[in-house]
Amino acid sequence: MSAQFGELPRRVVGIEVQDPIVTLFGEDWSLTLACPWFGVVNGRRLTWEDEGIQDSLWDLVGADLVMVENRKSVTTFSFTNGELVAAPDSDLDPWVLTLPSGMTVGRLP
């Protein structure tokens, strides 16, 4: 999947959390995780169930989204200082990546 995202890297300039939905965004792009996710940012492990995830995710502001890779039922979003792994558990809770060339929606296969 990463090959079709030639528009990367993309800089994170802000985040928005409406628990449990997380949106990272920048100029002309956004990533919304409306599904279970986990990851590591600046060496700190996080999950969508953590208290205060907005504070932890704030460390992604200023980082670049550099790669998107799909492996079976999970998709890894790699940043210059960590990664978030989307793990949809139903068709009702997708992730959505919007770039200038279009939108990609990931869900349970």
Protein backbone atom coordinates (compact mmCIF):
# COMPACT_ATOMS: atom_id res chain seq x y z
CA MET A 1 0.00 0.00 0.00
CA SER A 2 2.80 2.46 0.71
CA ALA A 3 3.71 2.78 -2.97
CA GLN A 4 0.48 4.59 -3.84
CA PHE A 5 1.20 7.37 -1.36
CA GLY A 6 3.82 9.26 -3.35
CA GLU A 7 2.57 12.46 -1.71
CA LEU A 8 4.44 11.65 1.49
CA PRO A 9 6.00 12.96 3.65
CA ARG A 10 3.32 15.16 5.19
CA ARG A 11 3.91 17.36 8.26
CA VAL A 12 1.55 17.06 11.25
CA VAL A 13 0.52 20.58 12.30
CA GLY A 14 -2.32 19.68 14.65
CA ILE A 15 -4.34 16.97 16.34
CA GLU A 16 -7.91 16.68 17.49
CA VAL A 17 -9.25 14.05 19.85
CA GLN A 18 -12.94 13.32 20.30
CA ASP A 19 -12.45 10.22 22.39
CA PRO A 20 -11.95 7.65 20.99
CA ILE A 21 -11.61 9.25 17.52
CA VAL A 22 -8.25 10.84 16.71
CA THR A 23 -7.51 13.15 13.78
CA LEU A 24 -4.04 14.31 12.77
CA PHE A 25 -3.85 16.98 10.10
CA GLY A 26 -1.62 19.28 8.13
CA GLU A 27 -1.64 21.34 4.98
CA ASP A 28 -3.92 19.55 2.45
CA TRP A 29 -4.08 16.24 4.35
CA SER A 30 -5.62 14.47 7.36
CA LEU A 31 -5.66 11.07 9.03
CA THR A 32 -8.64 10.04 11.15
CA LEU A 33 -8.54 6.90 13.28
CA ALA A 34 -12.10 5.93 14.22
CA CYS A 35 -11.00 2.40 15.06
CA PRO A 36 -8.88 0.74 17.74
CA TRP A 37 -5.21 1.71 17.41
CA PHE A 38 -1.92 1.39 19.26
CA GLY A 39 1.55 2.74 18.75
CA VAL A 40 4.75 4.28 20.00
CA VAL A 41 5.52 8.01 19.97
CA ASN A 42 8.91 9.23 21.17
CA GLY A 43 9.49 5.83 22.76
CA ARG A 44 6.22 5.92 24.72
CA ARG A 45 3.64 3.19 24.10
CA LEU A 46 0.03 4.30 23.65
CA THR A 47 -3.36 2.85 22.80
CA TRP A 48 -6.72 4.28 21.93
CA GLU A 49 -7.93 3.34 25.44
CA ASP A 50 -5.31 5.40 27.34
CA GLU A 51 -6.36 8.32 29.51
CA GLY A 52 -5.07 11.64 28.23
CA ILE A 53 -4.20 10.44 24.73
CA GLN A 54 -4.38 14.00 23.41
CA ASP A 55 -1.38 14.95 25.56
CA SER A 56 0.59 11.91 24.36
CA LEU A 57 -0.32 12.43 20.71
CA TRP A 58 0.67 16.10 20.89
CA ASP A 59 4.27 14.87 20.42
CA LEU A 60 3.37 14.06 16.80
CA VAL A 61 2.90 17.76 16.01
CA GLY A 62 5.93 18.78 13.95
CA ALA A 63 6.67 15.18 12.90
CA ASP A 64 6.22 13.94 9.34
CA LEU A 65 4.03 11.07 8.17
CA VAL A 66 6.59 9.22 6.05
CA MET A 67 5.07 5.84 5.22
CA VAL A 68 1.80 3.90 5.21
CA GLU A 69 2.01 0.12 5.15
CA ASN A 70 -0.80 -2.42 5.15
CA ARG A 71 -0.20 -5.86 6.65
CA LYS A 72 -3.19 -8.18 6.71
CA SER A 73 -5.80 -6.56 8.97
CA VAL A 74 -3.66 -3.68 10.33
CA THR A 75 -2.23 -0.54 8.76
CA THR A 76 0.90 1.14 10.10
CA PHE A 77 1.33 4.89 9.80
CA SER A 78 5.02 5.67 10.31
CA PHE A 79 6.11 9.10 11.50
CA THR A 80 9.58 10.52 11.99
CA ASN A 81 9.21 10.01 15.75
CA GLY A 82 7.03 6.90 16.01
CA GLU A 83 4.16 4.96 14.53
CA LEU A 84 0.46 4.42 14.94
CA VAL A 85 -1.11 1.09 13.97
CA ALA A 86 -4.80 1.07 13.03
CA ALA A 87 -6.52 -2.22 13.86
CA PRO A 88 -10.19 -2.00 12.76
CA ASP A 89 -12.41 -4.58 14.42
CA SER A 90 -15.52 -3.96 12.30
CA ASP A 91 -16.63 -2.25 9.10
CA LEU A 92 -18.21 0.48 11.23
CA ASP A 93 -14.94 1.91 12.58
CA PRO A 94 -12.53 2.75 9.75
CA TRP A 95 -9.46 4.88 9.40
CA VAL A 96 -9.47 7.59 6.70
CA LEU A 97 -6.41 9.13 5.04
CA THR A 98 -7.12 12.19 2.91
CA LEU A 99 -4.41 13.54 0.59
CA PRO A 100 -4.64 16.06 -2.26
CA SER A 101 -5.03 13.19 -4.75
CA GLY A 102 -7.95 11.57 -2.92
CA MET A 103 -9.19 9.65 0.08
CA THR A 104 -8.40 6.12 1.26
CA VAL A 105 -10.65 4.34 3.76
CA GLY A 106 -9.35 1.33 5.64
CA ARG A 107 -11.60 -1.09 7.46
CA LEU A 108 -11.79 -4.68 8.56
CA PRO A 109 -11.03 -6.77 5.45
